[in-house]
Amino acid sequence: MATTAMTWQEQAKAKRDSINNLIPENWRLPSPIPSAEEQRDVTGKYLWQYLSEREVEITETDAVVITKHTTAGEWKAEEVIRAFCHRASLAHQITNCLHEVFFDAAIEDAKKLDEYYAQNKAPKGPLHGLPVSLKDQFHVKGVETTMVRA
């Protein structure tokens, strides 16, 4: 029995769909999303309309201040990561910028950091609770990468 290989267009659609399916329903943008001609600037106030005031505050804060708050126990790591994941999901829906999505893993790791802080009354390290994003050039076990060596 012969099998038919997927075309690159079918593979691309399957990949896009798999990423989009990882975005929680309550983070999804209403359809249709404006075209680039209709909405030139998708930053700032345009994006803020889909975030809570607290999410805007967190995601507009620089790394130094975020770690000041998370290492002092003033901000929970889970709250910070959820805000950044929400914002990343919005950016992806507008620009198709994510190759892989680790929202669930990031939230679980943040919960562990909050538990650690609660038990030890101290951060796990100087970057405690600071979200990071990995470029597709890093090989992560169990995750597809598009980087190749020539």
N, C-alpha and C. Protein backbone atom coordinates (compact mmCIF):
# COMPACT_ATOMS: atom_id res chain seq x y z
N MET A 1 0.84 -1.17 0.00
CA MET A 1 0.00 0.00 0.00
C MET A 1 0.89 1.25 0.00
N ALA A 2 0.68 2.11 -0.94
CA ALA A 2 1.50 3.31 -1.09
C ALA A 2 1.01 4.40 -0.14
N THR A 3 1.96 5.15 0.40
CA THR A 3 1.60 6.28 1.25
C THR A 3 1.92 7.56 0.49
N THR A 4 1.17 8.56 0.75
CA THR A 4 1.38 9.85 0.11
C THR A 4 2.04 10.78 1.10
N ALA A 5 3.19 11.33 0.70
CA ALA A 5 3.89 12.29 1.56
C ALA A 5 3.15 13.62 1.52
N MET A 6 3.18 14.29 2.64
CA MET A 6 2.54 15.62 2.70
C MET A 6 3.39 16.62 1.93
N THR A 7 2.72 17.54 1.25
CA THR A 7 3.44 18.61 0.57
C THR A 7 3.99 19.56 1.64
N TRP A 8 4.89 20.43 1.26
CA TRP A 8 5.42 21.38 2.24
C TRP A 8 4.32 22.31 2.73
N GLN A 9 3.34 22.62 1.86
CA GLN A 9 2.23 23.47 2.28
C GLN A 9 1.38 22.78 3.35
N GLU A 10 1.16 21.49 3.18
CA GLU A 10 0.39 20.72 4.16
C GLU A 10 1.16 20.60 5.48
N GLN A 11 2.47 20.40 5.37
CA GLN A 11 3.30 20.33 6.58
C GLN A 11 3.30 21.66 7.32
N ALA A 12 3.40 22.75 6.57
CA ALA A 12 3.39 24.08 7.19
C ALA A 12 2.06 24.35 7.88
N LYS A 13 0.96 24.00 7.23
CA LYS A 13 -0.36 24.19 7.83
C LYS A 13 -0.51 23.35 9.09
N ALA A 14 -0.03 22.11 9.05
CA ALA A 14 -0.12 21.23 10.22
C ALA A 14 0.68 21.82 11.38
N LYS A 15 1.86 22.37 11.08
CA LYS A 15 2.69 22.97 12.12
C LYS A 15 2.01 24.22 12.70
N ARG A 16 1.49 25.08 11.82
CA ARG A 16 0.78 26.28 12.29
C ARG A 16 -0.41 25.90 13.17
N ASP A 17 -1.17 24.91 12.72
CA ASP A 17 -2.33 24.47 13.49
C ASP A 17 -1.93 23.90 14.84
N SER A 18 -0.82 23.14 14.88
CA SER A 18 -0.39 22.55 16.17
C SER A 18 0.01 23.63 17.16
N ILE A 19 0.64 24.68 16.69
CA ILE A 19 1.02 25.79 17.58
C ILE A 19 -0.23 26.57 18.01
N ASN A 20 -1.08 26.89 17.07
CA ASN A 20 -2.29 27.66 17.40
C ASN A 20 -3.19 26.90 18.37
N ASN A 21 -3.21 25.58 18.28
CA ASN A 21 -4.03 24.78 19.19
C ASN A 21 -3.52 24.81 20.63
N LEU A 22 -2.29 25.24 20.83
CA LEU A 22 -1.73 25.34 22.18
C LEU A 22 -2.06 26.68 22.85
N ILE A 23 -2.68 27.57 22.12
CA ILE A 23 -3.08 28.87 22.69
C ILE A 23 -4.42 28.70 23.37
N PRO A 24 -4.49 29.01 24.67
CA PRO A 24 -5.77 28.88 25.37
C PRO A 24 -6.87 29.72 24.71
N GLU A 25 -8.09 29.23 24.77
CA GLU A 25 -9.23 29.91 24.16
C GLU A 25 -9.34 31.37 24.62
N ASN A 26 -9.15 31.61 25.92
CA ASN A 26 -9.32 32.97 26.43
C ASN A 26 -8.19 33.92 26.02
N TRP A 27 -7.16 33.41 25.35
CA TRP A 27 -6.08 34.25 24.83
C TRP A 27 -6.21 34.46 23.33
N ARG A 28 -7.21 33.87 22.72
CA ARG A 28 -7.34 33.96 21.26
C ARG A 28 -7.96 35.29 20.86
N LEU A 29 -7.41 35.83 19.78
CA LEU A 29 -7.91 37.10 19.24
C LEU A 29 -9.21 36.87 18.49
N PRO A 30 -10.07 37.89 18.51
CA PRO A 30 -11.31 37.75 17.73
C PRO A 30 -10.99 37.72 16.23
N SER A 31 -11.78 37.00 15.49
CA SER A 31 -11.60 36.93 14.04
C SER A 31 -12.51 37.94 13.36
N PRO A 32 -12.12 38.45 12.24
CA PRO A 32 -10.82 38.28 11.61
C PRO A 32 -9.80 39.25 12.20
N ILE A 33 -8.54 38.87 12.14
CA ILE A 33 -7.46 39.74 12.59
C ILE A 33 -7.21 40.74 11.47
N PRO A 34 -7.08 42.02 11.79
CA PRO A 34 -6.87 43.02 10.72
C PRO A 34 -5.61 42.72 9.91
N SER A 35 -5.67 43.03 8.64
CA SER A 35 -4.50 42.85 7.77
C SER A 35 -3.45 43.91 8.10
N ALA A 36 -2.25 43.72 7.58
CA ALA A 36 -1.17 44.69 7.79
C ALA A 36 -1.53 46.05 7.20
N GLU A 37 -2.31 46.06 6.14
CA GLU A 37 -2.72 47.32 5.53
C GLU A 37 -3.72 48.05 6.44
N GLU A 38 -4.57 47.30 7.14
CA GLU A 38 -5.58 47.90 8.00
C GLU A 38 -5.01 48.35 9.34
N GLN A 39 -4.07 47.58 9.87
CA GLN A 39 -3.50 47.87 11.20
C GLN A 39 -1.99 47.80 11.10
N ARG A 40 -1.35 48.94 10.86
CA ARG A 40 0.10 48.98 10.66
C ARG A 40 0.87 48.74 11.96
N ASP A 41 0.42 49.32 13.06
CA ASP A 41 1.13 49.21 14.33
C ASP A 41 0.38 48.22 15.23
N VAL A 42 1.01 47.09 15.48
CA VAL A 42 0.37 46.06 16.32
C VAL A 42 1.05 45.99 17.70
N THR A 43 1.72 47.07 18.07
CA THR A 43 2.35 47.14 19.38
C THR A 43 1.55 48.07 20.28
N GLY A 44 2.09 48.36 21.44
CA GLY A 44 1.50 49.36 22.33
C GLY A 44 0.02 49.21 22.55
N LYS A 45 -0.70 50.31 22.36
CA LYS A 45 -2.13 50.36 22.68
C LYS A 45 -2.94 49.33 21.93
N TYR A 46 -2.56 49.01 20.71
CA TYR A 46 -3.31 48.00 19.97
C TYR A 46 -3.26 46.66 20.72
N LEU A 47 -2.09 46.25 21.13
CA LEU A 47 -1.94 44.97 21.83
C LEU A 47 -2.49 45.04 23.25
N TRP A 48 -2.34 46.19 23.89
CA TRP A 48 -2.80 46.35 25.28
C TRP A 48 -4.30 46.12 25.43
N GLN A 49 -5.07 46.35 24.38
CA GLN A 49 -6.51 46.18 24.50
C GLN A 49 -6.90 44.74 24.81
N TYR A 50 -6.01 43.80 24.55
CA TYR A 50 -6.28 42.37 24.79
C TYR A 50 -5.66 41.87 26.10
N LEU A 51 -4.94 42.76 26.80
CA LEU A 51 -4.29 42.39 28.05
C LEU A 51 -4.95 43.13 29.22
N SER A 52 -4.84 42.53 30.40
CA SER A 52 -5.30 43.25 31.59
C SER A 52 -4.30 44.36 31.92
N GLU A 53 -4.71 45.29 32.76
CA GLU A 53 -3.79 46.36 33.18
C GLU A 53 -2.55 45.76 33.84
N ARG A 54 -2.76 44.72 34.64
CA ARG A 54 -1.64 44.08 35.34
C ARG A 54 -0.69 43.41 34.34
N GLU A 55 -1.24 42.76 33.31
CA GLU A 55 -0.39 42.13 32.30
C GLU A 55 0.42 43.18 31.54
N VAL A 56 -0.19 44.32 31.26
CA VAL A 56 0.54 45.40 30.59
C VAL A 56 1.66 45.88 31.50
N GLU A 57 1.35 46.10 32.77
CA GLU A 57 2.38 46.56 33.72
C GLU A 57 3.56 45.59 33.74
N ILE A 58 3.27 44.32 33.85
CA ILE A 58 4.34 43.31 33.94
C ILE A 58 5.14 43.24 32.65
N THR A 59 4.46 43.15 31.51
CA THR A 59 5.17 42.95 30.25
C THR A 59 5.84 44.20 29.71
N GLU A 60 5.52 45.36 30.27
CA GLU A 60 6.20 46.60 29.89
C GLU A 60 7.34 46.93 30.84
N THR A 61 7.60 46.05 31.80
CA THR A 61 8.65 46.26 32.79
C THR A 61 9.93 45.59 32.30
N ASP A 62 11.07 46.25 32.49
CA ASP A 62 12.33 45.66 32.02
C ASP A 62 12.80 44.54 32.95
N ALA A 63 13.75 43.76 32.45
CA ALA A 63 14.23 42.57 33.16
C ALA A 63 14.80 42.88 34.54
N VAL A 64 15.50 43.99 34.67
CA VAL A 64 16.10 44.34 35.96
C VAL A 64 15.02 44.55 37.01
N VAL A 65 13.98 45.27 36.65
CA VAL A 65 12.90 45.55 37.60
C VAL A 65 12.06 44.30 37.87
N ILE A 66 11.85 43.50 36.84
CA ILE A 66 11.11 42.24 37.05
C ILE A 66 11.83 41.39 38.09
N THR A 67 13.13 41.20 37.92
CA THR A 67 13.87 40.37 38.88
C THR A 67 13.93 41.02 40.25
N LYS A 68 13.92 42.33 40.31
CA LYS A 68 13.86 43.01 41.61
C LYS A 68 12.58 42.59 42.35
N HIS A 69 11.47 42.56 41.61
CA HIS A 69 10.19 42.19 42.22
C HIS A 69 10.08 40.69 42.51
N THR A 70 10.54 39.86 41.57
CA THR A 70 10.39 38.40 41.78
C THR A 70 11.36 37.88 42.83
N THR A 71 12.57 38.41 42.88
CA THR A 71 13.53 37.92 43.88
C THR A 71 13.21 38.43 45.28
N ALA A 72 12.40 39.48 45.36
CA ALA A 72 11.96 39.99 46.67
C ALA A 72 10.63 39.37 47.09
N GLY A 73 10.05 38.57 46.23
CA GLY A 73 8.77 37.94 46.53
C GLY A 73 7.58 38.87 46.36
N GLU A 74 7.79 40.02 45.73
CA GLU A 74 6.70 40.98 45.53
C GLU A 74 5.80 40.57 44.36
N TRP A 75 6.40 39.93 43.36
CA TRP A 75 5.65 39.42 42.21
C TRP A 75 5.84 37.92 42.18
N LYS A 76 4.79 37.19 41.90
CA LYS A 76 4.86 35.74 41.76
C LYS A 76 5.38 35.40 40.36
N ALA A 77 6.23 34.40 40.29
CA ALA A 77 6.77 33.96 39.00
C ALA A 77 5.65 33.51 38.08
N GLU A 78 4.64 32.85 38.64
CA GLU A 78 3.53 32.37 37.80
C GLU A 78 2.77 33.53 37.15
N GLU A 79 2.52 34.58 37.92
CA GLU A 79 1.82 35.74 37.37
C GLU A 79 2.63 36.38 36.24
N VAL A 80 3.94 36.46 36.44
CA VAL A 80 4.81 37.06 35.44
C VAL A 80 4.82 36.22 34.17
N ILE A 81 5.00 34.91 34.32
CA ILE A 81 5.08 34.07 33.12
C ILE A 81 3.75 34.02 32.38
N ARG A 82 2.66 33.99 33.12
CA ARG A 82 1.35 33.98 32.44
C ARG A 82 1.15 35.27 31.62
N ALA A 83 1.58 36.40 32.16
CA ALA A 83 1.45 37.66 31.43
C ALA A 83 2.27 37.63 30.14
N PHE A 84 3.51 37.14 30.23
CA PHE A 84 4.36 37.09 29.05
C PHE A 84 3.87 36.04 28.05
N CYS A 85 3.38 34.92 28.52
CA CYS A 85 2.83 33.90 27.62
C CYS A 85 1.60 34.45 26.89
N HIS A 86 0.75 35.16 27.62
CA HIS A 86 -0.43 35.75 26.99
C HIS A 86 -0.01 36.72 25.90
N ARG A 87 0.94 37.59 26.22
CA ARG A 87 1.39 38.58 25.24
C ARG A 87 2.06 37.90 24.04
N ALA A 88 2.85 36.86 24.29
CA ALA A 88 3.49 36.12 23.20
C ALA A 88 2.44 35.46 22.31
N SER A 89 1.39 34.94 22.92
CA SER A 89 0.35 34.30 22.12
C SER A 89 -0.36 35.31 21.23
N LEU A 90 -0.54 36.53 21.72
CA LEU A 90 -1.15 37.58 20.90
C LEU A 90 -0.23 37.96 19.74
N ALA A 91 1.05 38.13 20.04
CA ALA A 91 2.02 38.46 18.99
C ALA A 91 2.05 37.37 17.92
N HIS A 92 2.00 36.12 18.36
CA HIS A 92 2.02 35.02 17.40
C HIS A 92 0.79 35.04 16.49
N GLN A 93 -0.35 35.29 17.07
CA GLN A 93 -1.57 35.29 16.26
C GLN A 93 -1.56 36.39 15.20
N ILE A 94 -0.83 37.45 15.47
CA ILE A 94 -0.74 38.56 14.53
C ILE A 94 0.39 38.36 13.52
N THR A 95 1.52 37.80 13.98
CA THR A 95 2.71 37.76 13.12
C THR A 95 3.24 36.36 12.80
N ASN A 96 2.68 35.33 13.41
CA ASN A 96 3.15 33.95 13.21
C ASN A 96 4.63 33.82 13.59
N CYS A 97 4.99 34.32 14.77
CA CYS A 97 6.39 34.43 15.18
C CYS A 97 6.92 33.25 16.01
N LEU A 98 6.06 32.39 16.51
CA LEU A 98 6.53 31.29 17.36
C LEU A 98 6.71 30.01 16.57
N HIS A 99 7.84 29.33 16.80
CA HIS A 99 8.09 28.04 16.14
C HIS A 99 7.69 26.89 17.05
N GLU A 100 7.77 27.10 18.33
CA GLU A 100 7.36 26.12 19.34
C GLU A 100 6.74 26.90 20.49
N VAL A 101 5.86 26.24 21.25
CA VAL A 101 5.20 26.90 22.36
C VAL A 101 5.41 26.05 23.62
N PHE A 102 5.92 26.69 24.66
CA PHE A 102 6.19 26.02 25.94
C PHE A 102 5.38 26.64 27.08
N PHE A 103 4.22 27.16 26.79
CA PHE A 103 3.45 27.86 27.80
C PHE A 103 3.19 26.98 29.03
N ASP A 104 2.71 25.76 28.81
CA ASP A 104 2.39 24.89 29.95
C ASP A 104 3.63 24.57 30.78
N ALA A 105 4.73 24.26 30.12
CA ALA A 105 5.97 23.95 30.85
C ALA A 105 6.47 25.17 31.61
N ALA A 106 6.37 26.34 30.99
CA ALA A 106 6.82 27.57 31.64
C ALA A 106 5.99 27.87 32.88
N ILE A 107 4.68 27.66 32.78
CA ILE A 107 3.80 27.91 33.92
C ILE A 107 4.09 26.92 35.04
N GLU A 108 4.33 25.67 34.70
CA GLU A 108 4.68 24.67 35.73
C GLU A 108 5.99 25.02 36.41
N ASP A 109 6.99 25.43 35.63
CA ASP A 109 8.27 25.83 36.22
C ASP A 109 8.09 27.05 37.14
N ALA A 110 7.25 27.99 36.72
CA ALA A 110 7.01 29.18 37.55
C ALA A 110 6.33 28.81 38.86
N LYS A 111 5.40 27.88 38.80
CA LYS A 111 4.74 27.42 40.03
C LYS A 111 5.76 26.81 40.99
N LYS A 112 6.71 26.06 40.45
CA LYS A 112 7.76 25.45 41.28
C LYS A 112 8.64 26.54 41.91
N LEU A 113 8.92 27.58 41.16
CA LEU A 113 9.70 28.70 41.71
C LEU A 113 8.93 29.38 42.85
N ASP A 114 7.63 29.56 42.66
CA ASP A 114 6.82 30.18 43.72
C ASP A 114 6.78 29.30 44.96
N GLU A 115 6.69 27.99 44.77
CA GLU A 115 6.71 27.05 45.91
C GLU A 115 8.07 27.13 46.63
N TYR A 116 9.14 27.18 45.84
CA TYR A 116 10.48 27.29 46.42
C TYR A 116 10.58 28.56 47.27
N TYR A 117 10.10 29.68 46.71
CA TYR A 117 10.17 30.95 47.43
C TYR A 117 9.36 30.88 48.72
N ALA A 118 8.18 30.29 48.64
CA ALA A 118 7.31 30.18 49.82
C ALA A 118 7.96 29.34 50.92
N GLN A 119 8.67 28.30 50.54
CA GLN A 119 9.31 27.42 51.52
C GLN A 119 10.59 28.00 52.08
N ASN A 120 11.35 28.68 51.23
CA ASN A 120 12.69 29.14 51.62
C ASN A 120 12.79 30.63 51.92
N LYS A 121 11.74 31.37 51.60
CA LYS A 121 11.73 32.83 51.79
C LYS A 121 12.93 33.50 51.11
N ALA A 122 13.31 32.89 49.98
CA ALA A 122 14.44 33.40 49.20
C ALA A 122 14.28 32.95 47.75
N PRO A 123 14.85 33.69 46.81
CA PRO A 123 14.77 33.28 45.41
C PRO A 123 15.71 32.10 45.15
N LYS A 124 15.46 31.41 44.05
CA LYS A 124 16.30 30.29 43.67
C LYS A 124 17.62 30.76 43.06
N GLY A 125 17.64 31.96 42.57
CA GLY A 125 18.84 32.55 41.98
C GLY A 125 18.56 33.97 41.57
N PRO A 126 19.53 34.66 40.98
CA PRO A 126 19.36 36.08 40.65
C PRO A 126 18.34 36.35 39.54
N LEU A 127 18.02 35.34 38.74
CA LEU A 127 17.05 35.52 37.66
C LEU A 127 15.71 34.86 37.99
N HIS A 128 15.49 34.60 39.25
CA HIS A 128 14.28 33.94 39.73
C HIS A 128 13.03 34.61 39.15
N GLY A 129 12.24 33.82 38.39
CA GLY A 129 10.98 34.32 37.86
C GLY A 129 11.07 35.14 36.60
N LEU A 130 12.25 35.28 36.03
CA LEU A 130 12.40 36.06 34.80
C LEU A 130 12.14 35.16 33.59
N PRO A 131 11.13 35.47 32.78
CA PRO A 131 10.86 34.65 31.59
C PRO A 131 11.98 34.79 30.57
N VAL A 132 12.24 33.71 29.85
CA VAL A 132 13.20 33.74 28.75
C VAL A 132 12.56 33.12 27.52
N SER A 133 13.04 33.52 26.38
CA SER A 133 12.59 32.97 25.11
C SER A 133 13.82 32.46 24.39
N LEU A 134 13.73 31.26 23.86
CA LEU A 134 14.86 30.67 23.16
C LEU A 134 14.69 30.80 21.66
N LYS A 135 15.74 31.21 21.01
CA LYS A 135 15.72 31.27 19.55
C LYS A 135 15.80 29.85 19.02
N ASP A 136 15.30 29.64 17.84
CA ASP A 136 15.22 28.32 17.25
C ASP A 136 16.59 27.71 16.95
N GLN A 137 17.66 28.35 17.31
CA GLN A 137 19.00 27.82 17.07
C GLN A 137 19.49 26.92 18.20
N PHE A 138 18.72 26.82 19.26
CA PHE A 138 19.09 25.96 20.38
C PHE A 138 18.37 24.63 20.24
N HIS A 139 19.12 23.55 20.39
CA HIS A 139 18.51 22.23 20.34
C HIS A 139 17.94 21.91 21.72
N VAL A 140 16.65 21.69 21.77
CA VAL A 140 15.95 21.35 23.00
C VAL A 140 15.40 19.94 22.82
N LYS A 141 15.72 19.07 23.75
CA LYS A 141 15.31 17.68 23.65
C LYS A 141 13.79 17.58 23.47
N GLY A 142 13.38 16.80 22.47
CA GLY A 142 11.97 16.56 22.22
C GLY A 142 11.25 17.66 21.48
N VAL A 143 12.00 18.65 20.98
CA VAL A 143 11.39 19.79 20.30
C VAL A 143 12.01 19.94 18.91
N GLU A 144 11.15 20.20 17.93
CA GLU A 144 11.64 20.39 16.57
C GLU A 144 12.46 21.67 16.48
N THR A 145 13.44 21.65 15.60
CA THR A 145 14.21 22.85 15.31
C THR A 145 14.31 22.99 13.80
N THR A 146 14.39 24.21 13.31
CA THR A 146 14.51 24.42 11.87
C THR A 146 15.93 24.78 11.48
N MET A 147 16.82 24.88 12.45
CA MET A 147 18.20 25.22 12.16
C MET A 147 18.93 24.02 11.59
N VAL A 148 19.72 24.25 10.57
CA VAL A 148 20.53 23.19 9.99
C VAL A 148 21.95 23.68 9.82
N ARG A 149 22.85 22.75 9.70
CA ARG A 149 24.25 23.11 9.41
C ARG A 149 24.49 22.95 7.93
N ALA A 150 25.19 23.89 7.36
CA ALA A 150 25.49 23.82 5.92
C ALA A 150 26.85 23.20 5.72
